Amino acid sequence: MSKFLVKFKTNQLKHVADSGSMAEEVISTIRTAQAFATQVKLAVLFDKDVAAGSILGYKQGVTLGIGLGIMCKWLLTRQGRPHVVSPVAYSLSFPLSLSSIGLLTSASVL
């Protein structure tokens, strides 16, 4: 799980850095962009990097949520006893795993 999280975070930061450097370059050469009317093209390029970064953030949140959901389910169903599964713990494990997926996904997108 951590292998995927590191990969998603690294690529997300790369896209954020690329969009930041593009914005800095456009601001420094604003006269050229205005003279050749390339604002729309440059905005599309900037939006592509931002959209790719947000998709990777969403994937990271889903991966983390699923991993934590599986871990919560495993911990709650076992409760320290190797072969006994409590019905209360089993009924709580599914909503907890869904809530962890939802919270982490929304946190990564924001």
PDB file of N, CA and C in Angstrom:
ATOM      1  N   MET A   1       0.826  -1.188   0.000  1.00  0.00           N
ATOM      2  CA  MET A   1       0.000   0.000   0.000  1.00  0.00           C
ATOM      3  C   MET A   1       0.871   1.253   0.000  1.00  0.00           C
ATOM      4  N   SER A   2       1.920   1.257   0.787  1.00  0.00           N
ATOM      5  CA  SER A   2       2.754   2.461   0.853  1.00  0.00           C
ATOM      6  C   SER A   2       3.483   2.707  -0.461  1.00  0.00           C
ATOM      7  N   LYS A   3       3.757   1.638  -1.205  1.00  0.00           N
ATOM      8  CA  LYS A   3       4.409   1.797  -2.504  1.00  0.00           C
ATOM      9  C   LYS A   3       3.520   2.617  -3.446  1.00  0.00           C
ATOM     10  N   PHE A   4       2.226   2.311  -3.448  1.00  0.00           N
ATOM     11  CA  PHE A   4       1.301   3.058  -4.296  1.00  0.00           C
ATOM     12  C   PHE A   4       1.134   4.490  -3.805  1.00  0.00           C
ATOM     13  N   LEU A   5       1.076   4.671  -2.485  1.00  0.00           N
ATOM     14  CA  LEU A   5       0.898   6.014  -1.932  1.00  0.00           C
ATOM     15  C   LEU A   5       2.075   6.914  -2.282  1.00  0.00           C
ATOM     16  N   VAL A   6       3.283   6.363  -2.183  1.00  0.00           N
ATOM     17  CA  VAL A   6       4.474   7.155  -2.513  1.00  0.00           C
ATOM     18  C   VAL A   6       4.483   7.502  -3.998  1.00  0.00           C
ATOM     19  N   LYS A   7       4.107   6.541  -4.834  1.00  0.00           N
ATOM     20  CA  LYS A   7       4.071   6.785  -6.274  1.00  0.00           C
ATOM     21  C   LYS A   7       3.056   7.863  -6.629  1.00  0.00           C
ATOM     22  N   PHE A   8       1.859   7.778  -6.045  1.00  0.00           N
ATOM     23  CA  PHE A   8       0.841   8.778  -6.334  1.00  0.00           C
ATOM     24  C   PHE A   8       1.253  10.155  -5.840  1.00  0.00           C
ATOM     25  N   LYS A   9       1.808  10.223  -4.631  1.00  0.00           N
ATOM     26  CA  LYS A   9       2.197  11.519  -4.060  1.00  0.00           C
ATOM     27  C   LYS A   9       3.345  12.150  -4.853  1.00  0.00           C
ATOM     28  N   THR A  10       4.308  11.332  -5.270  1.00  0.00           N
ATOM     29  CA  THR A  10       5.437  11.850  -6.046  1.00  0.00           C
ATOM     30  C   THR A  10       4.964  12.425  -7.378  1.00  0.00           C
ATOM     31  N   ASN A  11       4.108  11.689  -8.058  1.00  0.00           N
ATOM     32  CA  ASN A  11       3.596  12.178  -9.337  1.00  0.00           C
ATOM     33  C   ASN A  11       2.702  13.397  -9.160  1.00  0.00           C
ATOM     34  N   GLN A  12       1.931  13.432  -8.081  1.00  0.00           N
ATOM     35  CA  GLN A  12       1.082  14.585  -7.812  1.00  0.00           C
ATOM     36  C   GLN A  12       1.939  15.829  -7.584  1.00  0.00           C
ATOM     37  N   LEU A  13       2.988  15.708  -6.810  1.00  0.00           N
ATOM     38  CA  LEU A  13       3.868  16.853  -6.556  1.00  0.00           C
ATOM     39  C   LEU A  13       4.584  17.290  -7.833  1.00  0.00           C
ATOM     40  N   LYS A  14       4.895  16.337  -8.706  1.00  0.00           N
ATOM     41  CA  LYS A  14       5.524  16.686  -9.980  1.00  0.00           C
ATOM     42  C   LYS A  14       4.580  17.531 -10.834  1.00  0.00           C
ATOM     43  N   HIS A  15       3.325  17.153 -10.877  1.00  0.00           N
ATOM     44  CA  HIS A  15       2.350  17.922 -11.656  1.00  0.00           C
ATOM     45  C   HIS A  15       2.114  19.306 -11.045  1.00  0.00           C
ATOM     46  N   VAL A  16       2.092  19.397  -9.741  1.00  0.00           N
ATOM     47  CA  VAL A  16       1.927  20.700  -9.087  1.00  0.00           C
ATOM     48  C   VAL A  16       3.134  21.586  -9.373  1.00  0.00           C
ATOM     49  N   ALA A  17       4.319  21.010  -9.338  1.00  0.00           N
ATOM     50  CA  ALA A  17       5.526  21.791  -9.631  1.00  0.00           C
ATOM     51  C   ALA A  17       5.540  22.252 -11.082  1.00  0.00           C
ATOM     52  N   ASP A  18       5.125  21.373 -12.003  1.00  0.00           N
ATOM     53  CA  ASP A  18       5.079  21.761 -13.412  1.00  0.00           C
ATOM     54  C   ASP A  18       4.084  22.893 -13.649  1.00  0.00           C
ATOM     55  N   SER A  19       2.918  22.797 -13.033  1.00  0.00           N
ATOM     56  CA  SER A  19       1.931  23.865 -13.223  1.00  0.00           C
ATOM     57  C   SER A  19       2.402  25.166 -12.579  1.00  0.00           C
ATOM     58  N   GLY A  20       3.082  25.077 -11.451  1.00  0.00           N
ATOM     59  CA  GLY A  20       3.620  26.273 -10.805  1.00  0.00           C
ATOM     60  C   GLY A  20       4.701  26.950 -11.631  1.00  0.00           C
ATOM     61  N   SER A  21       5.585  26.143 -12.222  1.00  0.00           N
ATOM     62  CA  SER A  21       6.634  26.731 -13.053  1.00  0.00           C
ATOM     63  C   SER A  21       6.053  27.329 -14.329  1.00  0.00           C
ATOM     64  N   MET A  22       5.007  26.688 -14.864  1.00  0.00           N
ATOM     65  CA  MET A  22       4.365  27.258 -16.047  1.00  0.00           C
ATOM     66  C   MET A  22       3.694  28.590 -15.712  1.00  0.00           C
ATOM     67  N   ALA A  23       3.018  28.658 -14.577  1.00  0.00           N
ATOM     68  CA  ALA A  23       2.374  29.916 -14.180  1.00  0.00           C
ATOM     69  C   ALA A  23       3.414  31.010 -13.952  1.00  0.00           C
ATOM     70  N   GLU A  24       4.526  30.647 -13.340  1.00  0.00           N
ATOM     71  CA  GLU A  24       5.588  31.630 -13.114  1.00  0.00           C
ATOM     72  C   GLU A  24       6.168  32.131 -14.433  1.00  0.00           C
ATOM     73  N   GLU A  25       6.338  31.229 -15.384  1.00  0.00           N
ATOM     74  CA  GLU A  25       6.880  31.616 -16.676  1.00  0.00           C
ATOM     75  C   GLU A  25       5.915  32.520 -17.438  1.00  0.00           C
ATOM     76  N   VAL A  26       4.633  32.209 -17.365  1.00  0.00           N
ATOM     77  CA  VAL A  26       3.635  33.035 -18.056  1.00  0.00           C
ATOM     78  C   VAL A  26       3.564  34.418 -17.432  1.00  0.00           C
ATOM     79  N   ILE A  27       3.618  34.489 -16.112  1.00  0.00           N
ATOM     80  CA  ILE A  27       3.553  35.793 -15.451  1.00  0.00           C
ATOM     81  C   ILE A  27       4.783  36.632 -15.793  1.00  0.00           C
ATOM     82  N   SER A  28       5.938  35.993 -15.907  1.00  0.00           N
ATOM     83  CA  SER A  28       7.142  36.763 -16.221  1.00  0.00           C
ATOM     84  C   SER A  28       7.145  37.252 -17.669  1.00  0.00           C
ATOM     85  N   THR A  29       6.446  36.550 -18.563  1.00  0.00           N
ATOM     86  CA  THR A  29       6.388  36.971 -19.965  1.00  0.00           C
ATOM     87  C   THR A  29       4.952  37.326 -20.357  1.00  0.00           C
ATOM     88  N   ILE A  30       4.291  38.081 -19.515  1.00  0.00           N
ATOM     89  CA  ILE A  30       2.886  38.410 -19.737  1.00  0.00           C
ATOM     90  C   ILE A  30       2.684  39.255 -20.989  1.00  0.00           C
ATOM     91  N   ARG A  31       3.626  40.078 -21.322  1.00  0.00           N
ATOM     92  CA  ARG A  31       3.489  40.915 -22.517  1.00  0.00           C
ATOM     93  C   ARG A  31       3.488  40.060 -23.781  1.00  0.00           C
ATOM     94  N   THR A  32       4.349  39.053 -23.805  1.00  0.00           N
ATOM     95  CA  THR A  32       4.412  38.164 -24.974  1.00  0.00           C
ATOM     96  C   THR A  32       3.120  37.371 -25.103  1.00  0.00           C
ATOM     97  N   ALA A  33       2.632  36.864 -23.985  1.00  0.00           N
ATOM     98  CA  ALA A  33       1.380  36.101 -24.025  1.00  0.00           C
ATOM     99  C   ALA A  33       0.219  36.981 -24.474  1.00  0.00           C
ATOM    100  N   GLN A  34       0.206  38.223 -24.055  1.00  0.00           N
ATOM    101  CA  GLN A  34      -0.854  39.148 -24.456  1.00  0.00           C
ATOM    102  C   GLN A  34      -0.711  39.519 -25.926  1.00  0.00           C
ATOM    103  N   ALA A  35       0.517  39.726 -26.385  1.00  0.00           N
ATOM    104  CA  ALA A  35       0.737  40.160 -27.773  1.00  0.00           C
ATOM    105  C   ALA A  35       0.344  39.077 -28.770  1.00  0.00           C
ATOM    106  N   PHE A  36       0.620  37.825 -28.464  1.00  0.00           N
ATOM    107  CA  PHE A  36       0.316  36.747 -29.396  1.00  0.00           C
ATOM    108  C   PHE A  36      -1.009  36.045 -29.084  1.00  0.00           C
ATOM    109  N   ALA A  37      -1.763  36.546 -28.128  1.00  0.00           N
ATOM    110  CA  ALA A  37      -3.079  36.018 -27.755  1.00  0.00           C
ATOM    111  C   ALA A  37      -3.025  34.519 -27.469  1.00  0.00           C
ATOM    112  N   THR A  38      -2.095  34.134 -26.600  1.00  0.00           N
ATOM    113  CA  THR A  38      -1.946  32.711 -26.258  1.00  0.00           C
ATOM    114  C   THR A  38      -2.454  32.409 -24.855  1.00  0.00           C
ATOM    115  N   GLN A  39      -3.281  33.281 -24.288  1.00  0.00           N
ATOM    116  CA  GLN A  39      -3.763  33.067 -22.926  1.00  0.00           C
ATOM    117  C   GLN A  39      -4.581  31.785 -22.818  1.00  0.00           C
ATOM    118  N   VAL A  40      -5.437  31.531 -23.803  1.00  0.00           N
ATOM    119  CA  VAL A  40      -6.305  30.354 -23.744  1.00  0.00           C
ATOM    120  C   VAL A  40      -5.478  29.076 -23.846  1.00  0.00           C
ATOM    121  N   LYS A  41      -4.501  29.063 -24.745  1.00  0.00           N
ATOM    122  CA  LYS A  41      -3.643  27.875 -24.881  1.00  0.00           C
ATOM    123  C   LYS A  41      -2.850  27.613 -23.604  1.00  0.00           C
ATOM    124  N   LEU A  42      -2.329  28.675 -23.023  1.00  0.00           N
ATOM    125  CA  LEU A  42      -1.552  28.520 -21.797  1.00  0.00           C
ATOM    126  C   LEU A  42      -2.442  28.103 -20.627  1.00  0.00           C
ATOM    127  N   ALA A  43      -3.661  28.601 -20.591  1.00  0.00           N
ATOM    128  CA  ALA A  43      -4.595  28.202 -19.536  1.00  0.00           C
ATOM    129  C   ALA A  43      -4.958  26.727 -19.659  1.00  0.00           C
ATOM    130  N   VAL A  44      -5.112  26.240 -20.888  1.00  0.00           N
ATOM    131  CA  VAL A  44      -5.420  24.817 -21.099  1.00  0.00           C
ATOM    132  C   VAL A  44      -4.244  23.949 -20.633  1.00  0.00           C
ATOM    133  N   LEU A  45      -3.035  24.364 -20.952  1.00  0.00           N
ATOM    134  CA  LEU A  45      -1.853  23.610 -20.495  1.00  0.00           C
ATOM    135  C   LEU A  45      -1.763  23.588 -18.967  1.00  0.00           C
ATOM    136  N   PHE A  46      -2.045  24.727 -18.349  1.00  0.00           N
ATOM    137  CA  PHE A  46      -2.021  24.801 -16.889  1.00  0.00           C
ATOM    138  C   PHE A  46      -3.103  23.908 -16.283  1.00  0.00           C
ATOM    139  N   ASP A  47      -4.303  23.941 -16.869  1.00  0.00           N
ATOM    140  CA  ASP A  47      -5.403  23.123 -16.358  1.00  0.00           C
ATOM    141  C   ASP A  47      -5.126  21.631 -16.490  1.00  0.00           C
ATOM    142  N   LYS A  48      -4.413  21.219 -17.531  1.00  0.00           N
ATOM    143  CA  LYS A  48      -4.077  19.798 -17.686  1.00  0.00           C
ATOM    144  C   LYS A  48      -3.215  19.310 -16.522  1.00  0.00           C
ATOM    145  N   ASP A  49      -2.212  20.100 -16.157  1.00  0.00           N
ATOM    146  CA  ASP A  49      -1.350  19.701 -15.036  1.00  0.00           C
ATOM    147  C   ASP A  49      -2.109  19.698 -13.716  1.00  0.00           C
ATOM    148  N   VAL A  50      -2.945  20.678 -13.517  1.00  0.00           N
ATOM    149  CA  VAL A  50      -3.718  20.738 -12.271  1.00  0.00           C
ATOM    150  C   VAL A  50      -4.703  19.573 -12.195  1.00  0.00           C
ATOM    151  N   ALA A  51      -5.368  19.256 -13.307  1.00  0.00           N
ATOM    152  CA  ALA A  51      -6.322  18.145 -13.326  1.00  0.00           C
ATOM    153  C   ALA A  51      -5.622  16.814 -13.096  1.00  0.00           C
ATOM    154  N   ALA A  52      -4.456  16.628 -13.686  1.00  0.00           N
ATOM    155  CA  ALA A  52      -3.713  15.378 -13.484  1.00  0.00           C
ATOM    156  C   ALA A  52      -3.281  15.240 -12.025  1.00  0.00           C
ATOM    157  N   GLY A  53      -2.883  16.341 -11.410  1.00  0.00           N
ATOM    158  CA  GLY A  53      -2.509  16.294  -9.998  1.00  0.00           C
ATOM    159  C   GLY A  53      -3.685  15.980  -9.089  1.00  0.00           C
ATOM    160  N   SER A  54      -4.854  16.523  -9.409  1.00  0.00           N
ATOM    161  CA  SER A  54      -6.016  16.248  -8.563  1.00  0.00           C
ATOM    162  C   SER A  54      -6.506  14.815  -8.742  1.00  0.00           C
ATOM    163  N   ILE A  55      -6.389  14.254  -9.928  1.00  0.00           N
ATOM    164  CA  ILE A  55      -6.745  12.844 -10.140  1.00  0.00           C
ATOM    165  C   ILE A  55      -5.826  11.942  -9.340  1.00  0.00           C
ATOM    166  N   LEU A  56      -4.545  12.257  -9.323  1.00  0.00           N
ATOM    167  CA  LEU A  56      -3.609  11.453  -8.530  1.00  0.00           C
ATOM    168  C   LEU A  56      -3.882  11.592  -7.039  1.00  0.00           C
ATOM    169  N   GLY A  57      -4.293  12.775  -6.603  1.00  0.00           N
ATOM    170  CA  GLY A  57      -4.668  12.948  -5.200  1.00  0.00           C
ATOM    171  C   GLY A  57      -5.886  12.124  -4.837  1.00  0.00           C
ATOM    172  N   TYR A  58      -6.844  12.052  -5.751  1.00  0.00           N
ATOM    173  CA  TYR A  58      -8.030  11.232  -5.534  1.00  0.00           C
ATOM    174  C   TYR A  58      -7.653   9.754  -5.443  1.00  0.00           C
ATOM    175  N   LYS A  59      -6.792   9.308  -6.339  1.00  0.00           N
ATOM    176  CA  LYS A  59      -6.345   7.905  -6.312  1.00  0.00           C
ATOM    177  C   LYS A  59      -5.604   7.597  -5.011  1.00  0.00           C
ATOM    178  N   GLN A  60      -4.816   8.543  -4.546  1.00  0.00           N
ATOM    179  CA  GLN A  60      -4.093   8.351  -3.295  1.00  0.00           C
ATOM    180  C   GLN A  60      -5.073   8.221  -2.132  1.00  0.00           C
ATOM    181  N   GLY A  61      -6.095   9.054  -2.108  1.00  0.00           N
ATOM    182  CA  GLY A  61      -7.090   8.984  -1.043  1.00  0.00           C
ATOM    183  C   GLY A  61      -7.868   7.687  -1.055  1.00  0.00           C
ATOM    184  N   VAL A  62      -8.234   7.216  -2.237  1.00  0.00           N
ATOM    185  CA  VAL A  62      -8.963   5.951  -2.340  1.00  0.00           C
ATOM    186  C   VAL A  62      -8.088   4.793  -1.887  1.00  0.00           C
ATOM    187  N   THR A  63      -6.830   4.793  -2.298  1.00  0.00           N
ATOM    188  CA  THR A  63      -5.912   3.722  -1.899  1.00  0.00           C
ATOM    189  C   THR A  63      -5.719   3.706  -0.391  1.00  0.00           C
ATOM    190  N   LEU A  64      -5.522   4.863   0.195  1.00  0.00           N
ATOM    191  CA  LEU A  64      -5.344   4.946   1.634  1.00  0.00           C
ATOM    192  C   LEU A  64      -6.620   4.557   2.373  1.00  0.00           C
ATOM    193  N   GLY A  65      -7.762   4.978   1.864  1.00  0.00           N
ATOM    194  CA  GLY A  65      -9.028   4.623   2.493  1.00  0.00           C
ATOM    195  C   GLY A  65      -9.311   3.140   2.450  1.00  0.00           C
ATOM    196  N   ILE A  66      -9.052   2.510   1.322  1.00  0.00           N
ATOM    197  CA  ILE A  66      -9.271   1.068   1.214  1.00  0.00           C
ATOM    198  C   ILE A  66      -8.311   0.318   2.129  1.00  0.00           C
ATOM    199  N   GLY A  67      -7.059   0.741   2.166  1.00  0.00           N
ATOM    200  CA  GLY A  67      -6.091   0.082   3.043  1.00  0.00           C
ATOM    201  C   GLY A  67      -6.470   0.206   4.508  1.00  0.00           C
ATOM    202  N   LEU A  68      -6.861   1.402   4.920  1.00  0.00           N
ATOM    203  CA  LEU A  68      -7.271   1.581   6.318  1.00  0.00           C
ATOM    204  C   LEU A  68      -8.574   0.862   6.623  1.00  0.00           C
ATOM    205  N   GLY A  69      -9.477   0.808   5.639  1.00  0.00           N
ATOM    206  CA  GLY A  69     -10.719   0.076   5.831  1.00  0.00           C
ATOM    207  C   GLY A  69     -10.474  -1.412   6.030  1.00  0.00           C
ATOM    208  N   ILE A  70      -9.580  -1.976   5.242  1.00  0.00           N
ATOM    209  CA  ILE A  70      -9.234  -3.397   5.396  1.00  0.00           C
ATOM    210  C   ILE A  70      -8.570  -3.632   6.741  1.00  0.00           C
ATOM    211  N   MET A  71      -7.691  -2.723   7.133  1.00  0.00           N
ATOM    212  CA  MET A  71      -7.015  -2.880   8.418  1.00  0.00           C
ATOM    213  C   MET A  71      -8.007  -2.771   9.575  1.00  0.00           C
ATOM    214  N   CYS A  72      -8.938  -1.817   9.502  1.00  0.00           N
ATOM    215  CA  CYS A  72      -9.955  -1.684  10.566  1.00  0.00           C
ATOM    216  C   CYS A  72     -10.832  -2.921  10.635  1.00  0.00           C
ATOM    217  N   LYS A  73     -11.214  -3.423   9.478  1.00  0.00           N
ATOM    218  CA  LYS A  73     -12.058  -4.613   9.462  1.00  0.00           C
ATOM    219  C   LYS A  73     -11.314  -5.798  10.070  1.00  0.00           C
ATOM    220  N   TRP A  74     -10.067  -5.951   9.713  1.00  0.00           N
ATOM    221  CA  TRP A  74      -9.280  -7.061  10.246  1.00  0.00           C
ATOM    222  C   TRP A  74      -9.116  -6.929  11.758  1.00  0.00           C
ATOM    223  N   LEU A  75      -8.822  -5.722  12.230  1.00  0.00           N
ATOM    224  CA  LEU A  75      -8.632  -5.520  13.665  1.00  0.00           C
ATOM    225  C   LEU A  75      -9.936  -5.700  14.445  1.00  0.00           C
ATOM    226  N   LEU A  76     -11.037  -5.193  13.909  1.00  0.00           N
ATOM    227  CA  LEU A  76     -12.303  -5.287  14.624  1.00  0.00           C
ATOM    228  C   LEU A  76     -12.879  -6.701  14.630  1.00  0.00           C
ATOM    229  N   THR A  77     -12.654  -7.445  13.576  1.00  0.00           N
ATOM    230  CA  THR A  77     -13.205  -8.801  13.550  1.00  0.00           C
ATOM    231  C   THR A  77     -12.392  -9.755  14.399  1.00  0.00           C
ATOM    232  N   ARG A  78     -11.132  -9.495  14.571  1.00  0.00           N
ATOM    233  CA  ARG A  78     -10.292 -10.404  15.364  1.00  0.00           C
ATOM    234  C   ARG A  78     -10.372 -10.109  16.854  1.00  0.00           C
ATOM    235  N   GLN A  79     -10.261  -8.896  17.256  1.00  0.00           N
ATOM    236  CA  GLN A  79     -10.304  -8.464  18.656  1.00  0.00           C
ATOM    237  C   GLN A  79      -9.375  -9.265  19.564  1.00  0.00           C
ATOM    238  N   GLY A  80      -8.245  -9.645  19.055  1.00  0.00           N
ATOM    239  CA  GLY A  80      -7.267 -10.354  19.884  1.00  0.00           C
ATOM    240  C   GLY A  80      -7.503 -11.837  20.008  1.00  0.00           C
ATOM    241  N   ARG A  81      -8.635 -12.342  19.550  1.00  0.00           N
ATOM    242  CA  ARG A  81      -8.902 -13.777  19.613  1.00  0.00           C
ATOM    243  C   ARG A  81      -8.736 -14.346  18.214  1.00  0.00           C
ATOM    244  N   PRO A  82      -7.987 -15.405  18.073  1.00  0.00           N
ATOM    245  CA  PRO A  82      -7.656 -15.865  16.730  1.00  0.00           C
ATOM    246  C   PRO A  82      -8.818 -16.472  15.942  1.00  0.00           C
ATOM    247  N   HIS A  83      -9.825 -17.088  16.589  1.00  0.00           N
ATOM    248  CA  HIS A  83     -10.843 -17.783  15.815  1.00  0.00           C
ATOM    249  C   HIS A  83     -12.268 -17.354  16.142  1.00  0.00           C
ATOM    250  N   VAL A  84     -12.457 -16.320  16.937  1.00  0.00           N
ATOM    251  CA  VAL A  84     -13.792 -15.882  17.329  1.00  0.00           C
ATOM    252  C   VAL A  84     -14.054 -14.511  16.711  1.00  0.00           C
ATOM    253  N   VAL A  85     -15.165 -14.381  16.007  1.00  0.00           N
ATOM    254  CA  VAL A  85     -15.543 -13.110  15.407  1.00  0.00           C
ATOM    255  C   VAL A  85     -16.796 -12.613  16.112  1.00  0.00           C
ATOM    256  N   SER A  86     -16.719 -11.438  16.688  1.00  0.00           N
ATOM    257  CA  SER A  86     -17.856 -10.850  17.382  1.00  0.00           C
ATOM    258  C   SER A  86     -18.853 -10.295  16.365  1.00  0.00           C
ATOM    259  N   PRO A  87     -20.146 -10.567  16.529  1.00  0.00           N
ATOM    260  CA  PRO A  87     -21.121 -10.030  15.578  1.00  0.00           C
ATOM    261  C   PRO A  87     -21.201  -8.510  15.601  1.00  0.00           C
ATOM    262  N   VAL A  88     -21.001  -7.904  16.755  1.00  0.00           N
ATOM    263  CA  VAL A  88     -21.022  -6.439  16.843  1.00  0.00           C
ATOM    264  C   VAL A  88     -19.838  -5.852  16.092  1.00  0.00           C
ATOM    265  N   ALA A  89     -18.677  -6.415  16.286  1.00  0.00           N
ATOM    266  CA  ALA A  89     -17.489  -5.918  15.604  1.00  0.00           C
ATOM    267  C   ALA A  89     -17.606  -6.124  14.100  1.00  0.00           C
ATOM    268  N   TYR A  90     -18.173  -7.241  13.688  1.00  0.00           N
ATOM    269  CA  TYR A  90     -18.331  -7.496  12.265  1.00  0.00           C
ATOM    270  C   TYR A  90     -19.318  -6.509  11.636  1.00  0.00           C
ATOM    271  N   SER A  91     -20.379  -6.178  12.358  1.00  0.00           N
ATOM    272  CA  SER A  91     -21.354  -5.231  11.814  1.00  0.00           C
ATOM    273  C   SER A  91     -20.800  -3.807  11.784  1.00  0.00           C
ATOM    274  N   LEU A  92     -19.846  -3.488  12.646  1.00  0.00           N
ATOM    275  CA  LEU A  92     -19.241  -2.148  12.660  1.00  0.00           C
ATOM    276  C   LEU A  92     -18.126  -2.004  11.634  1.00  0.00           C
ATOM    277  N   SER A  93     -17.550  -3.110  11.190  1.00  0.00           N
ATOM    278  CA  SER A  93     -16.366  -3.012  10.339  1.00  0.00           C
ATOM    279  C   SER A  93     -16.685  -2.444   8.967  1.00  0.00           C
ATOM    280  N   PHE A  94     -17.817  -2.795   8.379  1.00  0.00           N
ATOM    281  CA  PHE A  94     -18.135  -2.291   7.042  1.00  0.00           C
ATOM    282  C   PHE A  94     -18.411  -0.787   7.033  1.00  0.00           C
ATOM    283  N   PRO A  95     -19.241  -0.255   7.949  1.00  0.00           N
ATOM    284  CA  PRO A  95     -19.417   1.210   7.944  1.00  0.00           C
ATOM    285  C   PRO A  95     -18.138   1.977   8.250  1.00  0.00           C
ATOM    286  N   LEU A  96     -17.289   1.427   9.096  1.00  0.00           N
ATOM    287  CA  LEU A  96     -16.022   2.099   9.381  1.00  0.00           C
ATOM    288  C   LEU A  96     -15.128   2.124   8.161  1.00  0.00           C
ATOM    289  N   SER A  97     -15.086   1.028   7.423  1.00  0.00           N
ATOM    290  CA  SER A  97     -14.246   1.016   6.229  1.00  0.00           C
ATOM    291  C   SER A  97     -14.787   1.982   5.182  1.00  0.00           C
ATOM    292  N   LEU A  98     -16.109   2.068   5.034  1.00  0.00           N
ATOM    293  CA  LEU A  98     -16.674   3.028   4.086  1.00  0.00           C
ATOM    294  C   LEU A  98     -16.422   4.466   4.519  1.00  0.00           C
ATOM    295  N   SER A  99     -16.545   4.728   5.816  1.00  0.00           N
ATOM    296  CA  SER A  99     -16.310   6.096   6.275  1.00  0.00           C
ATOM    297  C   SER A  99     -14.854   6.496   6.116  1.00  0.00           C
ATOM    298  N   SER A 100     -13.926   5.556   6.333  1.00  0.00           N
ATOM    299  CA  SER A 100     -12.514   5.908   6.151  1.00  0.00           C
ATOM    300  C   SER A 100     -12.210   6.190   4.695  1.00  0.00           C
ATOM    301  N   ILE A 101     -12.841   5.454   3.776  1.00  0.00           N
ATOM    302  CA  ILE A 101     -12.640   5.733   2.349  1.00  0.00           C
ATOM    303  C   ILE A 101     -13.188   7.122   2.012  1.00  0.00           C
ATOM    304  N   GLY A 102     -14.374   7.433   2.490  1.00  0.00           N
ATOM    305  CA  GLY A 102     -14.979   8.726   2.174  1.00  0.00           C
ATOM    306  C   GLY A 102     -14.213   9.900   2.753  1.00  0.00           C
ATOM    307  N   LEU A 103     -13.782   9.780   3.998  1.00  0.00           N
ATOM    308  CA  LEU A 103     -13.051  10.879   4.632  1.00  0.00           C
ATOM    309  C   LEU A 103     -11.710  11.114   3.970  1.00  0.00           C
ATOM    310  N   LEU A 104     -10.986  10.062   3.676  1.00  0.00           N
ATOM    311  CA  LEU A 104      -9.664  10.241   3.094  1.00  0.00           C
ATOM    312  C   LEU A 104      -9.744  10.713   1.651  1.00  0.00           C
ATOM    313  N   THR A 105     -10.759  10.273   0.941  1.00  0.00           N
ATOM    314  CA  THR A 105     -10.915  10.745  -0.426  1.00  0.00           C
ATOM    315  C   THR A 105     -11.249  12.237  -0.455  1.00  0.00           C
ATOM    316  N   SER A 106     -12.158  12.654   0.399  1.00  0.00           N
ATOM    317  CA  SER A 106     -12.500  14.077   0.410  1.00  0.00           C
ATOM    318  C   SER A 106     -11.343  14.926   0.926  1.00  0.00           C
ATOM    319  N   ALA A 107     -10.564  14.400   1.840  1.00  0.00           N
ATOM    320  CA  ALA A 107      -9.423  15.167   2.360  1.00  0.00           C
ATOM    321  C   ALA A 107      -8.345  15.321   1.304  1.00  0.00           C
ATOM    322  N   SER A 108      -8.141  14.306   0.473  1.00  0.00           N
ATOM    323  CA  SER A 108      -7.081  14.414  -0.520  1.00  0.00           C
ATOM    324  C   SER A 108      -7.472  15.330  -1.676  1.00  0.00           C
ATOM    325  N   VAL A 109      -8.770  15.407  -1.978  1.00  0.00           N
ATOM    326  CA  VAL A 109      -9.206  16.267  -3.065  1.00  0.00           C
ATOM    327  C   VAL A 109      -9.142  17.725  -2.657  1.00  0.00           C
ATOM    328  N   LEU A 110      -9.446  18.017  -1.392  1.00  0.00           N
ATOM    329  CA  LEU A 110      -9.392  19.398  -0.926  1.00  0.00           C
ATOM    330  C   LEU A 110      -7.961  19.805  -0.798  1.00  0.00           C
TER     331      LEU A 110
END
